PDB file of all heavy atoms in Angstrom:
ATOM      1  N   LEU A   1      -7.456   9.533   1.544  1.00  0.00           N
ATOM      2  CA  LEU A   1      -6.772  10.187   0.412  1.00  0.00           C
ATOM      3  C   LEU A   1      -6.442   9.199  -0.656  1.00  0.00           C
ATOM      4  O   LEU A   1      -5.540   9.411  -1.495  1.00  0.00           O
ATOM      5  CB  LEU A   1      -5.521  10.938   0.861  1.00  0.00           C
ATOM      6  CG  LEU A   1      -5.712  11.915   1.936  1.00  0.00           C
ATOM      7  CD1 LEU A   1      -4.309  12.355   2.474  1.00  0.00           C
ATOM      8  CD2 LEU A   1      -6.357  13.183   1.316  1.00  0.00           C
ATOM      9  N   THR A   2      -7.127   7.992  -0.653  1.00  0.00           N
ATOM     10  CA  THR A   2      -6.753   6.857  -1.684  1.00  0.00           C
ATOM     11  C   THR A   2      -7.710   7.021  -2.832  1.00  0.00           C
ATOM     12  O   THR A   2      -8.839   7.559  -2.888  1.00  0.00           O
ATOM     13  CB  THR A   2      -6.940   5.518  -0.880  1.00  0.00           C
ATOM     14  OG1 THR A   2      -8.306   5.317  -0.611  1.00  0.00           O
ATOM     15  CG2 THR A   2      -6.061   5.528   0.368  1.00  0.00           C
ATOM     16  N   ARG A   3      -7.289   6.201  -3.828  1.00  0.00           N
ATOM     17  CA  ARG A   3      -8.052   6.061  -5.098  1.00  0.00           C
ATOM     18  C   ARG A   3      -7.907   4.722  -5.618  1.00  0.00           C
ATOM     19  O   ARG A   3      -7.045   3.977  -5.134  1.00  0.00           O
ATOM     20  CB  ARG A   3      -7.765   7.166  -6.069  1.00  0.00           C
ATOM     21  CG  ARG A   3      -6.220   7.019  -6.526  1.00  0.00           C
ATOM     22  CD  ARG A   3      -5.767   8.419  -7.166  1.00  0.00           C
ATOM     23  NE  ARG A   3      -4.502   8.238  -7.820  1.00  0.00           N
ATOM     24  CZ  ARG A   3      -3.292   8.230  -7.013  1.00  0.00           C
ATOM     25  NH1 ARG A   3      -3.337   8.207  -5.786  1.00  0.00           N
ATOM     26  NH2 ARG A   3      -2.201   8.072  -7.767  1.00  0.00           N
ATOM     27  N   VAL A   4      -8.586   4.358  -6.619  1.00  0.00           N
ATOM     28  CA  VAL A   4      -8.597   3.016  -7.384  1.00  0.00           C
ATOM     29  C   VAL A   4      -9.096   1.963  -6.522  1.00  0.00           C
ATOM     30  O   VAL A   4     -10.325   1.898  -6.335  1.00  0.00           O
ATOM     31  CB  VAL A   4      -7.130   2.713  -7.956  1.00  0.00           C
ATOM     32  CG1 VAL A   4      -7.287   1.514  -8.715  1.00  0.00           C
ATOM     33  CG2 VAL A   4      -6.622   3.859  -8.745  1.00  0.00           C
ATOM     34  N   LEU A   5      -8.385   1.040  -5.956  1.00  0.00           N
ATOM     35  CA  LEU A   5      -9.023  -0.175  -5.337  1.00  0.00           C
ATOM     36  C   LEU A   5      -8.486  -0.500  -3.876  1.00  0.00           C
ATOM     37  O   LEU A   5      -9.385  -0.614  -3.020  1.00  0.00           O
ATOM     38  CB  LEU A   5      -8.794  -1.373  -6.255  1.00  0.00           C
ATOM     39  CG  LEU A   5      -9.400  -2.752  -5.780  1.00  0.00           C
ATOM     40  CD1 LEU A   5     -10.867  -2.460  -5.571  1.00  0.00           C
ATOM     41  CD2 LEU A   5      -9.138  -3.830  -6.865  1.00  0.00           C
ATOM     42  N   ALA A   6      -7.159  -0.640  -3.657  1.00  0.00           N
ATOM     43  CA  ALA A   6      -6.772  -1.173  -2.278  1.00  0.00           C
ATOM     44  C   ALA A   6      -7.200  -0.247  -1.209  1.00  0.00           C
ATOM     45  O   ALA A   6      -7.866  -0.698  -0.220  1.00  0.00           O
ATOM     46  CB  ALA A   6      -5.320  -1.319  -2.274  1.00  0.00           C
ATOM     47  N   GLY A   7      -6.920   1.086  -1.324  1.00  0.00           N
ATOM     48  CA  GLY A   7      -7.369   1.996  -0.271  1.00  0.00           C
ATOM     49  C   GLY A   7      -8.893   2.193  -0.206  1.00  0.00           C
ATOM     50  O   GLY A   7      -9.431   2.073   0.968  1.00  0.00           O
ATOM     51  N   PRO A   8      -9.631   2.442  -1.314  1.00  0.00           N
ATOM     52  CA  PRO A   8     -10.993   2.595  -1.276  1.00  0.00           C
ATOM     53  C   PRO A   8     -11.741   1.319  -0.689  1.00  0.00           C
ATOM     54  O   PRO A   8     -12.709   1.375  -0.006  1.00  0.00           O
ATOM     55  CB  PRO A   8     -11.466   2.881  -2.703  1.00  0.00           C
ATOM     56  CG  PRO A   8     -10.186   3.579  -3.206  1.00  0.00           C
ATOM     57  CD  PRO A   8      -8.995   2.955  -2.647  1.00  0.00           C
ATOM     58  N   PHE A   9     -11.198   0.120  -1.022  1.00  0.00           N
ATOM     59  CA  PHE A   9     -11.777  -1.048  -0.492  1.00  0.00           C
ATOM     60  C   PHE A   9     -11.701  -1.138   1.098  1.00  0.00           C
ATOM     61  O   PHE A   9     -12.629  -1.477   1.664  1.00  0.00           O
ATOM     62  CB  PHE A   9     -11.078  -2.207  -1.098  1.00  0.00           C
ATOM     63  CG  PHE A   9     -11.688  -3.647  -0.743  1.00  0.00           C
ATOM     64  CD1 PHE A   9     -12.948  -3.862  -1.068  1.00  0.00           C
ATOM     65  CD2 PHE A   9     -11.008  -4.621  -0.050  1.00  0.00           C
ATOM     66  CE1 PHE A   9     -13.613  -5.192  -0.891  1.00  0.00           C
ATOM     67  CE2 PHE A   9     -11.581  -5.892   0.206  1.00  0.00           C
ATOM     68  CZ  PHE A   9     -12.850  -6.116  -0.181  1.00  0.00           C
ATOM     69  N   CYS A  10     -10.495  -0.680   1.628  1.00  0.00           N
ATOM     70  CA  CYS A  10     -10.285  -0.585   3.058  1.00  0.00           C
ATOM     71  C   CYS A  10     -11.243   0.379   3.624  1.00  0.00           C
ATOM     72  O   CYS A  10     -11.901   0.006   4.612  1.00  0.00           O
ATOM     73  CB  CYS A  10      -8.773  -0.246   3.300  1.00  0.00           C
ATOM     74  SG  CYS A  10      -8.489   0.295   5.039  1.00  0.00           S
ATOM     75  N   THR A  11     -11.315   1.588   3.075  1.00  0.00           N
ATOM     76  CA  THR A  11     -12.083   2.577   3.759  1.00  0.00           C
ATOM     77  C   THR A  11     -13.621   2.245   3.644  1.00  0.00           C
ATOM     78  O   THR A  11     -14.467   2.699   4.480  1.00  0.00           O
ATOM     79  CB  THR A  11     -11.798   3.995   3.149  1.00  0.00           C
ATOM     80  OG1 THR A  11     -11.847   4.006   1.700  1.00  0.00           O
ATOM     81  CG2 THR A  11     -10.441   4.324   3.545  1.00  0.00           C
ATOM     82  N   MET A  12     -14.106   1.594   2.613  1.00  0.00           N
ATOM     83  CA  MET A  12     -15.428   1.170   2.472  1.00  0.00           C
ATOM     84  C   MET A  12     -15.700   0.169   3.577  1.00  0.00           C
ATOM     85  O   MET A  12     -16.781   0.250   4.217  1.00  0.00           O
ATOM     86  CB  MET A  12     -15.683   0.502   1.164  1.00  0.00           C
ATOM     87  CG  MET A  12     -17.109   0.074   0.970  1.00  0.00           C
ATOM     88  SD  MET A  12     -17.552  -0.715  -0.518  1.00  0.00           S
ATOM     89  CE  MET A  12     -16.709  -2.294  -0.383  1.00  0.00           C
ATOM     90  N   ILE A  13     -14.839  -0.744   3.951  1.00  0.00           N
ATOM     91  CA  ILE A  13     -15.090  -1.735   5.098  1.00  0.00           C
ATOM     92  C   ILE A  13     -15.161  -0.907   6.332  1.00  0.00           C
ATOM     93  O   ILE A  13     -16.094  -1.186   7.118  1.00  0.00           O
ATOM     94  CB  ILE A  13     -13.935  -2.672   5.099  1.00  0.00           C
ATOM     95  CG1 ILE A  13     -13.951  -3.621   3.805  1.00  0.00           C
ATOM     96  CG2 ILE A  13     -14.151  -3.631   6.357  1.00  0.00           C
ATOM     97  CD1 ILE A  13     -12.733  -4.524   3.686  1.00  0.00           C
ATOM     98  N   LEU A  14     -14.328  -0.002   6.576  1.00  0.00           N
ATOM     99  CA  LEU A  14     -14.432   0.779   7.749  1.00  0.00           C
ATOM    100  C   LEU A  14     -15.732   1.604   7.806  1.00  0.00           C
ATOM    101  O   LEU A  14     -16.385   1.797   8.872  1.00  0.00           O
ATOM    102  CB  LEU A  14     -13.245   1.695   7.888  1.00  0.00           C
ATOM    103  CG  LEU A  14     -11.869   1.066   7.982  1.00  0.00           C
ATOM    104  CD1 LEU A  14     -10.648   2.002   7.887  1.00  0.00           C
ATOM    105  CD2 LEU A  14     -11.717   0.290   9.185  1.00  0.00           C
ATOM    106  N   GLY A  15     -16.129   2.157   6.632  1.00  0.00           N
ATOM    107  CA  GLY A  15     -17.452   2.894   6.639  1.00  0.00           C
ATOM    108  C   GLY A  15     -18.604   1.930   6.832  1.00  0.00           C
ATOM    109  O   GLY A  15     -19.529   2.331   7.459  1.00  0.00           O
ATOM    110  N   ASP A  16     -18.530   0.764   6.265  1.00  0.00           N
ATOM    111  CA  ASP A  16     -19.599  -0.193   6.414  1.00  0.00           C
ATOM    112  C   ASP A  16     -19.707  -0.474   7.936  1.00  0.00           C
ATOM    113  O   ASP A  16     -20.844  -0.796   8.449  1.00  0.00           O
ATOM    114  CB  ASP A  16     -19.255  -1.525   5.821  1.00  0.00           C
ATOM    115  CG  ASP A  16     -19.523  -1.445   4.228  1.00  0.00           C
ATOM    116  OD1 ASP A  16     -20.088  -0.516   3.844  1.00  0.00           O
ATOM    117  OD2 ASP A  16     -19.322  -2.469   3.528  1.00  0.00           O
ATOM    118  N   LEU A  17     -18.664  -0.478   8.677  1.00  0.00           N
ATOM    119  CA  LEU A  17     -18.614  -0.723  10.087  1.00  0.00           C
ATOM    120  C   LEU A  17     -19.037   0.475  10.961  1.00  0.00           C
ATOM    121  O   LEU A  17     -18.972   0.459  12.118  1.00  0.00           O
ATOM    122  CB  LEU A  17     -17.274  -1.285  10.534  1.00  0.00           C
ATOM    123  CG  LEU A  17     -16.956  -2.724  10.002  1.00  0.00           C
ATOM    124  CD1 LEU A  17     -15.566  -3.097  10.226  1.00  0.00           C
ATOM    125  CD2 LEU A  17     -17.814  -3.837  10.648  1.00  0.00           C
ATOM    126  N   GLY A  18     -19.337   1.524  10.323  1.00  0.00           N
ATOM    127  CA  GLY A  18     -19.866   2.705  11.104  1.00  0.00           C
ATOM    128  C   GLY A  18     -18.955   3.924  11.166  1.00  0.00           C
ATOM    129  O   GLY A  18     -19.306   4.972  11.743  1.00  0.00           O
ATOM    130  N   ALA A  19     -17.689   3.802  10.657  1.00  0.00           N
ATOM    131  CA  ALA A  19     -16.847   5.018  10.726  1.00  0.00           C
ATOM    132  C   ALA A  19     -17.332   6.114   9.737  1.00  0.00           C
ATOM    133  O   ALA A  19     -18.006   5.860   8.891  1.00  0.00           O
ATOM    134  CB  ALA A  19     -15.351   4.566  10.339  1.00  0.00           C
ATOM    135  N   ASP A  20     -16.984   7.376  10.163  1.00  0.00           N
ATOM    136  CA  ASP A  20     -17.305   8.503   9.218  1.00  0.00           C
ATOM    137  C   ASP A  20     -16.090   8.602   8.317  1.00  0.00           C
ATOM    138  O   ASP A  20     -14.988   9.043   8.707  1.00  0.00           O
ATOM    139  CB  ASP A  20     -17.423   9.789  10.109  1.00  0.00           C
ATOM    140  CG  ASP A  20     -17.655  10.986   9.226  1.00  0.00           C
ATOM    141  OD1 ASP A  20     -18.056  10.807   8.011  1.00  0.00           O
ATOM    142  OD2 ASP A  20     -17.455  12.139   9.805  1.00  0.00           O
ATOM    143  N   VAL A  21     -16.162   8.253   7.066  1.00  0.00           N
ATOM    144  CA  VAL A  21     -15.153   8.301   6.087  1.00  0.00           C
ATOM    145  C   VAL A  21     -15.318   9.474   5.168  1.00  0.00           C
ATOM    146  O   VAL A  21     -16.365   9.570   4.515  1.00  0.00           O
ATOM    147  CB  VAL A  21     -15.223   6.989   5.259  1.00  0.00           C
ATOM    148  CG1 VAL A  21     -14.006   6.989   4.212  1.00  0.00           C
ATOM    149  CG2 VAL A  21     -14.970   5.708   6.132  1.00  0.00           C
ATOM    150  N   ILE A  22     -14.345  10.427   5.170  1.00  0.00           N
ATOM    151  CA  ILE A  22     -14.370  11.566   4.358  1.00  0.00           C
ATOM    152  C   ILE A  22     -13.411  11.193   3.149  1.00  0.00           C
ATOM    153  O   ILE A  22     -12.154  11.107   3.273  1.00  0.00           O
ATOM    154  CB  ILE A  22     -13.932  12.747   4.995  1.00  0.00           C
ATOM    155  CG1 ILE A  22     -14.879  12.992   6.245  1.00  0.00           C
ATOM    156  CG2 ILE A  22     -13.840  14.022   4.083  1.00  0.00           C
ATOM    157  CD1 ILE A  22     -14.409  14.153   7.140  1.00  0.00           C
ATOM    158  N   LYS A  23     -13.940  10.996   1.921  1.00  0.00           N
ATOM    159  CA  LYS A  23     -13.176  10.720   0.826  1.00  0.00           C
ATOM    160  C   LYS A  23     -12.774  12.021   0.109  1.00  0.00           C
ATOM    161  O   LYS A  23     -13.570  12.926  -0.240  1.00  0.00           O
ATOM    162  CB  LYS A  23     -13.979   9.875  -0.269  1.00  0.00           C
ATOM    163  CG  LYS A  23     -13.204   9.627  -1.556  1.00  0.00           C
ATOM    164  CD  LYS A  23     -14.207   8.737  -2.546  1.00  0.00           C
ATOM    165  CE  LYS A  23     -13.376   8.362  -3.787  1.00  0.00           C
ATOM    166  NZ  LYS A  23     -12.310   7.407  -3.547  1.00  0.00           N
ATOM    167  N   ILE A  24     -11.377  12.218  -0.067  1.00  0.00           N
ATOM    168  CA  ILE A  24     -10.861  13.414  -0.573  1.00  0.00           C
ATOM    169  C   ILE A  24     -10.235  13.208  -1.981  1.00  0.00           C
ATOM    170  O   ILE A  24      -9.469  12.348  -2.114  1.00  0.00           O
ATOM    171  CB  ILE A  24      -9.796  14.056   0.373  1.00  0.00           C
ATOM    172  CG1 ILE A  24     -10.459  14.487   1.745  1.00  0.00           C
ATOM    173  CG2 ILE A  24      -9.099  15.287  -0.312  1.00  0.00           C
ATOM    174  CD1 ILE A  24      -9.515  15.116   2.729  1.00  0.00           C
ATOM    175  N   GLU A  25     -10.772  14.042  -2.991  1.00  0.00           N
ATOM    176  CA  GLU A  25     -10.219  13.989  -4.215  1.00  0.00           C
ATOM    177  C   GLU A  25      -9.798  15.360  -4.704  1.00  0.00           C
ATOM    178  O   GLU A  25     -10.312  16.315  -4.075  1.00  0.00           O
ATOM    179  CB  GLU A  25     -11.226  13.386  -5.139  1.00  0.00           C
ATOM    180  CG  GLU A  25     -11.634  11.983  -4.938  1.00  0.00           C
ATOM    181  CD  GLU A  25     -12.768  11.523  -5.866  1.00  0.00           C
ATOM    182  OE1 GLU A  25     -12.427  11.179  -7.065  1.00  0.00           O
ATOM    183  OE2 GLU A  25     -13.971  11.580  -5.450  1.00  0.00           O
ATOM    184  N   ALA A  26      -9.197  15.477  -5.834  1.00  0.00           N
ATOM    185  CA  ALA A  26      -8.917  16.816  -6.383  1.00  0.00           C
ATOM    186  C   ALA A  26     -10.272  17.410  -6.998  1.00  0.00           C
ATOM    187  O   ALA A  26     -11.165  16.584  -7.333  1.00  0.00           O
ATOM    188  CB  ALA A  26      -7.892  16.703  -7.586  1.00  0.00           C
TER     189      ALA A  26
END
């Protein structure tokens, strides 16, 4: 549920490592 930089940077790393990341926006 994050946006801009800190959160998306974290979830990209987790996604790079193989997690299924669902990015939710309005």
